[in-house]
């Protein structure tokens, strides 16, 4: 289940479950669309610490979010990626596209 957690200082966090794949598309969209429309939100953080699996459609969803956020003058951060997720982002050339932070 995706949770949308507002945090202080103009950011919001969406925590993704263990399996982040094409079946999450609709729920993921419903989580971030309101954040893009909210003028008080300047950054959207995607918490990935629980993610154990992602597929190519996940990468597409993240790029779509990134493009929409850029158009809305918002930044995207990926938080607490596992070694596997970090490697996938690096291999696909997406690691430089996102601000990747580890907060745990």
PDB file of N, CA and C in Angstrom:
ATOM      1  N   UNK A   1       0.840  -1.182   0.000  1.00  0.00           N
ATOM      2  CA  UNK A   1       0.000   0.000   0.000  1.00  0.00           C
ATOM      3  C   UNK A   1       0.886   1.247   0.000  1.00  0.00           C
ATOM      4  N   UNK A   2       0.477   2.217  -0.762  1.00  0.00           N
ATOM      5  CA  UNK A   2       1.211   3.472  -0.827  1.00  0.00           C
ATOM      6  C   UNK A   2       0.688   4.395   0.257  1.00  0.00           C
ATOM      7  N   UNK A   3       1.592   5.015   0.969  1.00  0.00           N
ATOM      8  CA  UNK A   3       1.182   6.010   1.960  1.00  0.00           C
ATOM      9  C   UNK A   3       1.771   7.354   1.579  1.00  0.00           C
ATOM     10  N   UNK A   4       0.993   8.360   1.740  1.00  0.00           N
ATOM     11  CA  UNK A   4       1.407   9.723   1.427  1.00  0.00           C
ATOM     12  C   UNK A   4       1.532  10.446   2.756  1.00  0.00           C
ATOM     13  N   UNK A   5       2.751  10.791   3.118  1.00  0.00           N
ATOM     14  CA  UNK A   5       3.014  11.371   4.427  1.00  0.00           C
ATOM     15  C   UNK A   5       3.534  12.789   4.255  1.00  0.00           C
ATOM     16  N   UNK A   6       2.732  13.808   4.626  1.00  0.00           N
ATOM     17  CA  UNK A   6       3.274  15.165   4.542  1.00  0.00           C
ATOM     18  C   UNK A   6       4.360  15.357   5.592  1.00  0.00           C
ATOM     19  N   UNK A   7       5.414  16.029   5.214  1.00  0.00           N
ATOM     20  CA  UNK A   7       6.479  16.320   6.161  1.00  0.00           C
ATOM     21  C   UNK A   7       6.745  17.820   6.115  1.00  0.00           C
ATOM     22  N   UNK A   8       7.350  18.356   7.150  1.00  0.00           N
ATOM     23  CA  UNK A   8       7.561  19.805   7.208  1.00  0.00           C
ATOM     24  C   UNK A   8       8.428  20.327   6.069  1.00  0.00           C
ATOM     25  N   UNK A   9       8.410  21.589   5.901  1.00  0.00           N
ATOM     26  CA  UNK A   9       9.279  22.339   4.995  1.00  0.00           C
ATOM     27  C   UNK A   9       8.979  22.124   3.519  1.00  0.00           C
ATOM     28  N   UNK A  10       7.716  22.030   3.164  1.00  0.00           N
ATOM     29  CA  UNK A  10       7.337  22.011   1.765  1.00  0.00           C
ATOM     30  C   UNK A  10       7.611  20.725   1.033  1.00  0.00           C
ATOM     31  N   UNK A  11       7.692  19.622   1.750  1.00  0.00           N
ATOM     32  CA  UNK A  11       7.929  18.331   1.110  1.00  0.00           C
ATOM     33  C   UNK A  11       6.814  17.368   1.472  1.00  0.00           C
ATOM     34  N   UNK A  12       6.655  16.350   0.647  1.00  0.00           N
ATOM     35  CA  UNK A  12       5.717  15.269   0.937  1.00  0.00           C
ATOM     36  C   UNK A  12       6.412  13.963   0.592  1.00  0.00           C
ATOM     37  N   UNK A  13       6.062  12.907   1.286  1.00  0.00           N
ATOM     38  CA  UNK A  13       6.717  11.614   1.085  1.00  0.00           C
ATOM     39  C   UNK A  13       5.683  10.558   0.724  1.00  0.00           C
ATOM     40  N   UNK A  14       6.022   9.771  -0.296  1.00  0.00           N
ATOM     41  CA  UNK A  14       5.208   8.623  -0.691  1.00  0.00           C
ATOM     42  C   UNK A  14       6.050   7.385  -0.413  1.00  0.00           C
ATOM     43  N   UNK A  15       5.561   6.509   0.444  1.00  0.00           N
ATOM     44  CA  UNK A  15       6.281   5.287   0.788  1.00  0.00           C
ATOM     45  C   UNK A  15       5.752   4.137  -0.061  1.00  0.00           C
ATOM     46  N   UNK A  16       6.656   3.504  -0.782  1.00  0.00           N
ATOM     47  CA  UNK A  16       6.277   2.421  -1.675  1.00  0.00           C
ATOM     48  C   UNK A  16       6.431   1.063  -0.984  1.00  0.00           C
ATOM     49  N   UNK A  17       5.578   0.111  -1.358  1.00  0.00           N
ATOM     50  CA  UNK A  17       5.627  -1.228  -0.764  1.00  0.00           C
ATOM     51  C   UNK A  17       6.746  -2.069  -1.366  1.00  0.00           C
ATOM     52  N   UNK A  18       6.871  -3.298  -0.917  1.00  0.00           N
ATOM     53  CA  UNK A  18       7.928  -4.198  -1.351  1.00  0.00           C
ATOM     54  C   UNK A  18       7.977  -4.485  -2.835  1.00  0.00           C
ATOM     55  N   UNK A  19       6.825  -4.561  -3.467  1.00  0.00           N
ATOM     56  CA  UNK A  19       6.777  -4.846  -4.907  1.00  0.00           C
ATOM     57  C   UNK A  19       6.253  -3.608  -5.627  1.00  0.00           C
ATOM     58  N   UNK A  20       7.119  -2.922  -6.332  1.00  0.00           N
ATOM     59  CA  UNK A  20       6.779  -1.699  -7.043  1.00  0.00           C
ATOM     60  C   UNK A  20       6.827  -2.039  -8.534  1.00  0.00           C
ATOM     61  N   UNK A  21       5.664  -2.373  -9.092  1.00  0.00           N
ATOM     62  CA  UNK A  21       5.604  -2.775 -10.494  1.00  0.00           C
ATOM     63  C   UNK A  21       4.383  -2.168 -11.171  1.00  0.00           C
ATOM     64  N   UNK A  22       4.065  -2.638 -12.379  1.00  0.00           N
ATOM     65  CA  UNK A  22       2.979  -2.045 -13.171  1.00  0.00           C
ATOM     66  C   UNK A  22       1.628  -2.079 -12.467  1.00  0.00           C
ATOM     67  N   UNK A  23       1.438  -2.993 -11.538  1.00  0.00           N
ATOM     68  CA  UNK A  23       0.152  -3.066 -10.827  1.00  0.00           C
ATOM     69  C   UNK A  23      -0.046  -1.876  -9.890  1.00  0.00           C
ATOM     70  N   UNK A  24       1.026  -1.144  -9.614  1.00  0.00           N
ATOM     71  CA  UNK A  24       0.959   0.012  -8.714  1.00  0.00           C
ATOM     72  C   UNK A  24       0.678   1.325  -9.454  1.00  0.00           C
ATOM     73  N   UNK A  25       0.606   1.287 -10.772  1.00  0.00           N
ATOM     74  CA  UNK A  25       0.516   2.515 -11.560  1.00  0.00           C
ATOM     75  C   UNK A  25      -0.633   3.420 -11.135  1.00  0.00           C
ATOM     76  N   UNK A  26      -1.818   2.897 -11.072  1.00  0.00           N
ATOM     77  CA  UNK A  26      -2.991   3.720 -10.733  1.00  0.00           C
ATOM     78  C   UNK A  26      -2.870   4.317  -9.332  1.00  0.00           C
ATOM     79  N   UNK A  27      -2.474   3.503  -8.381  1.00  0.00           N
ATOM     80  CA  UNK A  27      -2.348   3.980  -6.998  1.00  0.00           C
ATOM     81  C   UNK A  27      -1.220   5.009  -6.865  1.00  0.00           C
ATOM     82  N   UNK A  28      -0.137   4.784  -7.589  1.00  0.00           N
ATOM     83  CA  UNK A  28       0.985   5.720  -7.563  1.00  0.00           C
ATOM     84  C   UNK A  28       0.546   7.076  -8.123  1.00  0.00           C
ATOM     85  N   UNK A  29      -0.149   7.054  -9.249  1.00  0.00           N
ATOM     86  CA  UNK A  29      -0.676   8.299  -9.833  1.00  0.00           C
ATOM     87  C   UNK A  29      -1.588   9.025  -8.848  1.00  0.00           C
ATOM     88  N   UNK A  30      -2.493   8.289  -8.226  1.00  0.00           N
ATOM     89  CA  UNK A  30      -3.427   8.906  -7.269  1.00  0.00           C
ATOM     90  C   UNK A  30      -2.692   9.500  -6.076  1.00  0.00           C
ATOM     91  N   UNK A  31      -1.519   8.984  -5.766  1.00  0.00           N
ATOM     92  CA  UNK A  31      -0.746   9.517  -4.650  1.00  0.00           C
ATOM     93  C   UNK A  31      -0.031  10.809  -5.004  1.00  0.00           C
ATOM     94  N   UNK A  32       0.499  10.894  -6.222  1.00  0.00           N
ATOM     95  CA  UNK A  32       1.316  12.076  -6.504  1.00  0.00           C
ATOM     96  C   UNK A  32       0.612  13.202  -7.243  1.00  0.00           C
ATOM     97  N   UNK A  33      -0.460  12.947  -7.957  1.00  0.00           N
ATOM     98  CA  UNK A  33      -1.150  14.023  -8.690  1.00  0.00           C
ATOM     99  C   UNK A  33      -1.559  15.170  -7.755  1.00  0.00           C
ATOM    100  N   UNK A  34      -2.184  14.896  -6.598  1.00  0.00           N
ATOM    101  CA  UNK A  34      -2.539  16.010  -5.707  1.00  0.00           C
ATOM    102  C   UNK A  34      -1.310  16.783  -5.208  1.00  0.00           C
ATOM    103  N   UNK A  35      -0.193  16.103  -5.065  1.00  0.00           N
ATOM    104  CA  UNK A  35       1.029  16.767  -4.602  1.00  0.00           C
ATOM    105  C   UNK A  35       1.568  17.729  -5.657  1.00  0.00           C
ATOM    106  N   UNK A  36       1.430  17.346  -6.915  1.00  0.00           N
ATOM    107  CA  UNK A  36       1.860  18.231  -8.001  1.00  0.00           C
ATOM    108  C   UNK A  36       1.008  19.489  -8.063  1.00  0.00           C
ATOM    109  N   UNK A  37      -0.257  19.347  -7.703  1.00  0.00           N
ATOM    110  CA  UNK A  37      -1.188  20.476  -7.743  1.00  0.00           C
ATOM    111  C   UNK A  37      -1.115  21.363  -6.506  1.00  0.00           C
ATOM    112  N   UNK A  38      -0.438  20.915  -5.466  1.00  0.00           N
ATOM    113  CA  UNK A  38      -0.359  21.646  -4.204  1.00  0.00           C
ATOM    114  C   UNK A  38       0.813  22.629  -4.232  1.00  0.00           C
ATOM    115  N   UNK A  39       0.511  23.914  -4.241  1.00  0.00           N
ATOM    116  CA  UNK A  39       1.551  24.950  -4.330  1.00  0.00           C
ATOM    117  C   UNK A  39       2.498  24.938  -3.119  1.00  0.00           C
ATOM    118  N   UNK A  40       2.045  24.416  -1.976  1.00  0.00           N
ATOM    119  CA  UNK A  40       2.880  24.390  -0.775  1.00  0.00           C
ATOM    120  C   UNK A  40       3.959  23.311  -0.837  1.00  0.00           C
ATOM    121  N   UNK A  41       3.775  22.320  -1.699  1.00  0.00           N
ATOM    122  CA  UNK A  41       4.739  21.221  -1.828  1.00  0.00           C
ATOM    123  C   UNK A  41       5.784  21.597  -2.873  1.00  0.00           C
ATOM    124  N   UNK A  42       7.042  21.598  -2.455  1.00  0.00           N
ATOM    125  CA  UNK A  42       8.140  21.904  -3.378  1.00  0.00           C
ATOM    126  C   UNK A  42       8.956  20.664  -3.737  1.00  0.00           C
ATOM    127  N   UNK A  43       8.848  19.638  -2.896  1.00  0.00           N
ATOM    128  CA  UNK A  43       9.610  18.411  -3.134  1.00  0.00           C
ATOM    129  C   UNK A  43       8.737  17.202  -2.832  1.00  0.00           C
ATOM    130  N   UNK A  44       8.857  16.192  -3.684  1.00  0.00           N
ATOM    131  CA  UNK A  44       8.185  14.917  -3.451  1.00  0.00           C
ATOM    132  C   UNK A  44       9.267  13.867  -3.240  1.00  0.00           C
ATOM    133  N   UNK A  45       9.211  13.234  -2.081  1.00  0.00           N
ATOM    134  CA  UNK A  45      10.161  12.182  -1.751  1.00  0.00           C
ATOM    135  C   UNK A  45       9.480  10.830  -1.946  1.00  0.00           C
ATOM    136  N   UNK A  46      10.169   9.936  -2.624  1.00  0.00           N
ATOM    137  CA  UNK A  46       9.669   8.576  -2.826  1.00  0.00           C
ATOM    138  C   UNK A  46      10.515   7.658  -1.954  1.00  0.00           C
ATOM    139  N   UNK A  47       9.902   7.143  -0.891  1.00  0.00           N
ATOM    140  CA  UNK A  47      10.581   6.256   0.067  1.00  0.00           C
ATOM    141  C   UNK A  47      10.609   4.849  -0.532  1.00  0.00           C
ATOM    142  N   UNK A  48      11.820   4.339  -0.751  1.00  0.00           N
ATOM    143  CA  UNK A  48      11.985   3.039  -1.408  1.00  0.00           C
ATOM    144  C   UNK A  48      12.628   1.985  -0.515  1.00  0.00           C
ATOM    145  N   UNK A  49      12.734   2.240   0.772  1.00  0.00           N
ATOM    146  CA  UNK A  49      13.437   1.296   1.654  1.00  0.00           C
ATOM    147  C   UNK A  49      12.783  -0.081   1.694  1.00  0.00           C
ATOM    148  N   UNK A  50      11.480  -0.169   1.505  1.00  0.00           N
ATOM    149  CA  UNK A  50      10.789  -1.459   1.548  1.00  0.00           C
ATOM    150  C   UNK A  50      10.770  -2.161   0.192  1.00  0.00           C
ATOM    151  N   UNK A  51      11.162  -1.473  -0.864  1.00  0.00           N
ATOM    152  CA  UNK A  51      11.059  -2.033  -2.215  1.00  0.00           C
ATOM    153  C   UNK A  51      12.114  -3.113  -2.426  1.00  0.00           C
ATOM    154  N   UNK A  52      11.619  -4.303  -2.748  1.00  0.00           N
ATOM    155  CA  UNK A  52      12.485  -5.442  -3.023  1.00  0.00           C
ATOM    156  C   UNK A  52      12.462  -5.811  -4.497  1.00  0.00           C
ATOM    157  N   UNK A  53      11.467  -5.290  -5.228  1.00  0.00           N
ATOM    158  CA  UNK A  53      11.327  -5.617  -6.646  1.00  0.00           C
ATOM    159  C   UNK A  53      10.794  -4.410  -7.388  1.00  0.00           C
ATOM    160  N   UNK A  54      11.365  -4.149  -8.555  1.00  0.00           N
ATOM    161  CA  UNK A  54      10.788  -3.185  -9.476  1.00  0.00           C
ATOM    162  C   UNK A  54      11.005  -3.707 -10.883  1.00  0.00           C
ATOM    163  N   UNK A  55      10.178  -3.224 -11.813  1.00  0.00           N
ATOM    164  CA  UNK A  55      10.318  -3.651 -13.195  1.00  0.00           C
ATOM    165  C   UNK A  55      10.462  -2.431 -14.089  1.00  0.00           C
ATOM    166  N   UNK A  56      10.535  -2.656 -15.388  1.00  0.00           N
ATOM    167  CA  UNK A  56      10.755  -1.542 -16.311  1.00  0.00           C
ATOM    168  C   UNK A  56       9.616  -0.538 -16.282  1.00  0.00           C
ATOM    169  N   UNK A  57       8.405  -0.985 -15.993  1.00  0.00           N
ATOM    170  CA  UNK A  57       7.292  -0.033 -15.911  1.00  0.00           C
ATOM    171  C   UNK A  57       7.463   0.892 -14.704  1.00  0.00           C
ATOM    172  N   UNK A  58       8.136   0.423 -13.659  1.00  0.00           N
ATOM    173  CA  UNK A  58       8.428   1.272 -12.508  1.00  0.00           C
ATOM    174  C   UNK A  58       9.327   2.423 -12.935  1.00  0.00           C
ATOM    175  N   UNK A  59      10.312   2.118 -13.736  1.00  0.00           N
ATOM    176  CA  UNK A  59      11.218   3.156 -14.224  1.00  0.00           C
ATOM    177  C   UNK A  59      10.449   4.172 -15.064  1.00  0.00           C
ATOM    178  N   UNK A  60       9.517   3.687 -15.876  1.00  0.00           N
ATOM    179  CA  UNK A  60       8.662   4.586 -16.663  1.00  0.00           C
ATOM    180  C   UNK A  60       7.821   5.475 -15.752  1.00  0.00           C
ATOM    181  N   UNK A  61       7.256   4.886 -14.693  1.00  0.00           N
ATOM    182  CA  UNK A  61       6.432   5.665 -13.762  1.00  0.00           C
ATOM    183  C   UNK A  61       7.260   6.746 -13.075  1.00  0.00           C
ATOM    184  N   UNK A  62       8.479   6.405 -12.699  1.00  0.00           N
ATOM    185  CA  UNK A  62       9.352   7.379 -12.045  1.00  0.00           C
ATOM    186  C   UNK A  62       9.742   8.504 -13.007  1.00  0.00           C
ATOM    187  N   UNK A  63      10.013   8.157 -14.265  1.00  0.00           N
ATOM    188  CA  UNK A  63      10.358   9.198 -15.243  1.00  0.00           C
ATOM    189  C   UNK A  63       9.163  10.094 -15.541  1.00  0.00           C
ATOM    190  N   UNK A  64       7.971   9.523 -15.625  1.00  0.00           N
ATOM    191  CA  UNK A  64       6.769  10.331 -15.843  1.00  0.00           C
ATOM    192  C   UNK A  64       6.582  11.296 -14.672  1.00  0.00           C
ATOM    193  N   UNK A  65       6.736  10.798 -13.456  1.00  0.00           N
ATOM    194  CA  UNK A  65       6.647  11.665 -12.281  1.00  0.00           C
ATOM    195  C   UNK A  65       7.702  12.767 -12.367  1.00  0.00           C
ATOM    196  N   UNK A  66       8.929  12.407 -12.698  1.00  0.00           N
ATOM    197  CA  UNK A  66      10.009  13.395 -12.784  1.00  0.00           C
ATOM    198  C   UNK A  66       9.659  14.486 -13.801  1.00  0.00           C
ATOM    199  N   UNK A  67       9.167  14.088 -14.961  1.00  0.00           N
ATOM    200  CA  UNK A  67       8.806  15.066 -15.995  1.00  0.00           C
ATOM    201  C   UNK A  67       7.666  15.964 -15.548  1.00  0.00           C
ATOM    202  N   UNK A  68       6.665  15.388 -14.917  1.00  0.00           N
ATOM    203  CA  UNK A  68       5.534  16.186 -14.434  1.00  0.00           C
ATOM    204  C   UNK A  68       5.956  17.112 -13.301  1.00  0.00           C
ATOM    205  N   UNK A  69       6.820  16.618 -12.434  1.00  0.00           N
ATOM    206  CA  UNK A  69       7.302  17.446 -11.320  1.00  0.00           C
ATOM    207  C   UNK A  69       8.138  18.613 -11.848  1.00  0.00           C
ATOM    208  N   UNK A  70       8.979  18.354 -12.808  1.00  0.00           N
ATOM    209  CA  UNK A  70       9.787  19.425 -13.399  1.00  0.00           C
ATOM    210  C   UNK A  70       8.884  20.493 -13.995  1.00  0.00           C
ATOM    211  N   UNK A  71       7.842  20.079 -14.702  1.00  0.00           N
ATOM    212  CA  UNK A  71       6.890  21.026 -15.288  1.00  0.00           C
ATOM    213  C   UNK A  71       6.175  21.838 -14.219  1.00  0.00           C
ATOM    214  N   UNK A  72       6.008  21.252 -13.020  1.00  0.00           N
ATOM    215  CA  UNK A  72       5.331  21.929 -11.909  1.00  0.00           C
ATOM    216  C   UNK A  72       6.329  22.624 -10.972  1.00  0.00           C
ATOM    217  N   UNK A  73       7.592  22.706 -11.374  1.00  0.00           N
ATOM    218  CA  UNK A  73       8.652  23.333 -10.566  1.00  0.00           C
ATOM    219  C   UNK A  73       8.831  22.671  -9.207  1.00  0.00           C
ATOM    220  N   UNK A  74       8.802  21.352  -9.199  1.00  0.00           N
ATOM    221  CA  UNK A  74       9.010  20.585  -7.973  1.00  0.00           C
ATOM    222  C   UNK A  74      10.158  19.611  -8.189  1.00  0.00           C
ATOM    223  N   UNK A  75      10.834  19.263  -7.113  1.00  0.00           N
ATOM    224  CA  UNK A  75      11.921  18.296  -7.216  1.00  0.00           C
ATOM    225  C   UNK A  75      11.461  16.930  -6.725  1.00  0.00           C
ATOM    226  N   UNK A  76      12.168  15.911  -7.167  1.00  0.00           N
ATOM    227  CA  UNK A  76      11.887  14.525  -6.777  1.00  0.00           C
ATOM    228  C   UNK A  76      13.135  13.951  -6.133  1.00  0.00           C
ATOM    229  N   UNK A  77      12.967  13.295  -4.997  1.00  0.00           N
ATOM    230  CA  UNK A  77      14.067  12.585  -4.344  1.00  0.00           C
ATOM    231  C   UNK A  77      13.658  11.144  -4.127  1.00  0.00           C
ATOM    232  N   UNK A  78      14.585  10.244  -4.383  1.00  0.00           N
ATOM    233  CA  UNK A  78      14.382   8.831  -4.075  1.00  0.00           C
ATOM    234  C   UNK A  78      15.143   8.550  -2.796  1.00  0.00           C
ATOM    235  N   UNK A  79      14.446   8.014  -1.806  1.00  0.00           N
ATOM    236  CA  UNK A  79      15.043   7.809  -0.491  1.00  0.00           C
ATOM    237  C   UNK A  79      15.313   6.341  -0.209  1.00  0.00           C
ATOM    238  N   UNK A  80      16.454   6.090   0.382  1.00  0.00           N
ATOM    239  CA  UNK A  80      16.789   4.798   0.972  1.00  0.00           C
ATOM    240  C   UNK A  80      16.670   3.637  -0.006  1.00  0.00           C
ATOM    241  N   UNK A  81      17.293   3.810  -1.172  1.00  0.00           N
ATOM    242  CA  UNK A  81      17.284   2.734  -2.154  1.00  0.00           C
ATOM    243  C   UNK A  81      18.221   1.612  -1.694  1.00  0.00           C
ATOM    244  N   UNK A  82      17.807   0.398  -1.948  1.00  0.00           N
ATOM    245  CA  UNK A  82      18.664  -0.745  -1.634  1.00  0.00           C
ATOM    246  C   UNK A  82      19.814  -0.780  -2.640  1.00  0.00           C
ATOM    247  N   UNK A  83      20.787  -1.626  -2.387  1.00  0.00           N
ATOM    248  CA  UNK A  83      21.903  -1.785  -3.314  1.00  0.00           C
ATOM    249  C   UNK A  83      21.395  -2.229  -4.676  1.00  0.00           C
ATOM    250  N   UNK A  84      20.443  -3.143  -4.701  1.00  0.00           N
ATOM    251  CA  UNK A  84      19.882  -3.634  -5.958  1.00  0.00           C
ATOM    252  C   UNK A  84      19.194  -2.509  -6.731  1.00  0.00           C
ATOM    253  N   UNK A  85      18.353  -1.739  -6.060  1.00  0.00           N
ATOM    254  CA  UNK A  85      17.631  -0.643  -6.717  1.00  0.00           C
ATOM    255  C   UNK A  85      18.630   0.409  -7.206  1.00  0.00           C
ATOM    256  N   UNK A  86      19.621   0.708  -6.410  1.00  0.00           N
ATOM    257  CA  UNK A  86      20.649   1.668  -6.821  1.00  0.00           C
ATOM    258  C   UNK A  86      21.380   1.193  -8.068  1.00  0.00           C
ATOM    259  N   UNK A  87      21.667  -0.096  -8.143  1.00  0.00           N
ATOM    260  CA  UNK A  87      22.352  -0.659  -9.321  1.00  0.00           C
ATOM    261  C   UNK A  87      21.472  -0.575 -10.550  1.00  0.00           C
ATOM    262  N   UNK A  88      20.184  -0.874 -10.408  1.00  0.00           N
ATOM    263  CA  UNK A  88      19.261  -0.780 -11.543  1.00  0.00           C
ATOM    264  C   UNK A  88      19.221   0.656 -12.051  1.00  0.00           C
ATOM    265  N   UNK A  89      19.120   1.616 -11.133  1.00  0.00           N
ATOM    266  CA  UNK A  89      19.100   3.029 -11.536  1.00  0.00           C
ATOM    267  C   UNK A  89      20.401   3.415 -12.223  1.00  0.00           C
ATOM    268  N   UNK A  90      21.506   2.897 -11.741  1.00  0.00           N
ATOM    269  CA  UNK A  90      22.801   3.209 -12.335  1.00  0.00           C
ATOM    270  C   UNK A  90      22.932   2.579 -13.720  1.00  0.00           C
ATOM    271  N   UNK A  91      22.568   1.317 -13.864  1.00  0.00           N
ATOM    272  CA  UNK A  91      22.672   0.607 -15.144  1.00  0.00           C
ATOM    273  C   UNK A  91      21.797   1.258 -16.209  1.00  0.00           C
ATOM    274  N   UNK A  92      20.625   1.731 -15.809  1.00  0.00           N
ATOM    275  CA  UNK A  92      19.703   2.343 -16.768  1.00  0.00           C
ATOM    276  C   UNK A  92      20.028   3.812 -17.026  1.00  0.00           C
ATOM    277  N   UNK A  93      21.016   4.339 -16.342  1.00  0.00           N
ATOM    278  CA  UNK A  93      21.388   5.737 -16.519  1.00  0.00           C
ATOM    279  C   UNK A  93      20.471   6.711 -15.808  1.00  0.00           C
ATOM    280  N   UNK A  94      19.627   6.207 -14.931  1.00  0.00           N
ATOM    281  CA  UNK A  94      18.670   7.061 -14.231  1.00  0.00           C
ATOM    282  C   UNK A  94      19.181   7.594 -12.905  1.00  0.00           C
ATOM    283  N   UNK A  95      20.313   7.105 -12.441  1.00  0.00           N
ATOM    284  CA  UNK A  95      20.801   7.553 -11.136  1.00  0.00           C
ATOM    285  C   UNK A  95      21.137   9.040 -11.135  1.00  0.00           C
ATOM    286  N   UNK A  96      21.543   9.579 -12.270  1.00  0.00           N
ATOM    287  CA  UNK A  96      21.841  10.999 -12.358  1.00  0.00           C
ATOM    288  C   UNK A  96      20.608  11.864 -12.554  1.00  0.00           C
ATOM    289  N   UNK A  97      19.477  11.232 -12.825  1.00  0.00           N
ATOM    290  CA  UNK A  97      18.225  11.947 -13.067  1.00  0.00           C
ATOM    291  C   UNK A  97      17.540  12.363 -11.765  1.00  0.00           C
ATOM    292  N   UNK A  98      17.779  11.607 -10.723  1.00  0.00           N
ATOM    293  CA  UNK A  98      17.093  11.809  -9.456  1.00  0.00           C
ATOM    294  C   UNK A  98      18.084  12.177  -8.351  1.00  0.00           C
ATOM    295  N   UNK A  99      17.595  12.913  -7.381  1.00  0.00           N
ATOM    296  CA  UNK A  99      18.326  13.140  -6.153  1.00  0.00           C
ATOM    297  C   UNK A  99      18.106  11.887  -5.301  1.00  0.00           C
ATOM    298  N   UNK A 100      19.169  11.137  -5.038  1.00  0.00           N
ATOM    299  CA  UNK A 100      19.053   9.898  -4.260  1.00  0.00           C
ATOM    300  C   UNK A 100      19.701  10.140  -2.906  1.00  0.00           C
ATOM    301  N   UNK A 101      18.899   9.945  -1.856  1.00  0.00           N
ATOM    302  CA  UNK A 101      19.399  10.180  -0.486  1.00  0.00           C
ATOM    303  C   UNK A 101      19.131   8.956   0.385  1.00  0.00           C
ATOM    304  N   UNK A 102      20.006   8.773   1.350  1.00  0.00           N
ATOM    305  CA  UNK A 102      19.810   7.716   2.352  1.00  0.00           C
ATOM    306  C   UNK A 102      19.646   8.384   3.705  1.00  0.00           C
ATOM    307  N   UNK A 103      18.483   8.167   4.312  1.00  0.00           N
ATOM    308  CA  UNK A 103      18.165   8.831   5.571  1.00  0.00           C
ATOM    309  C   UNK A 103      18.094   7.859   6.738  1.00  0.00           C
ATOM    310  N   UNK A 104      18.215   6.584   6.473  1.00  0.00           N
ATOM    311  CA  UNK A 104      18.120   5.604   7.555  1.00  0.00           C
ATOM    312  C   UNK A 104      19.436   5.429   8.259  1.00  0.00           C
TER     313      UNK A 104
END
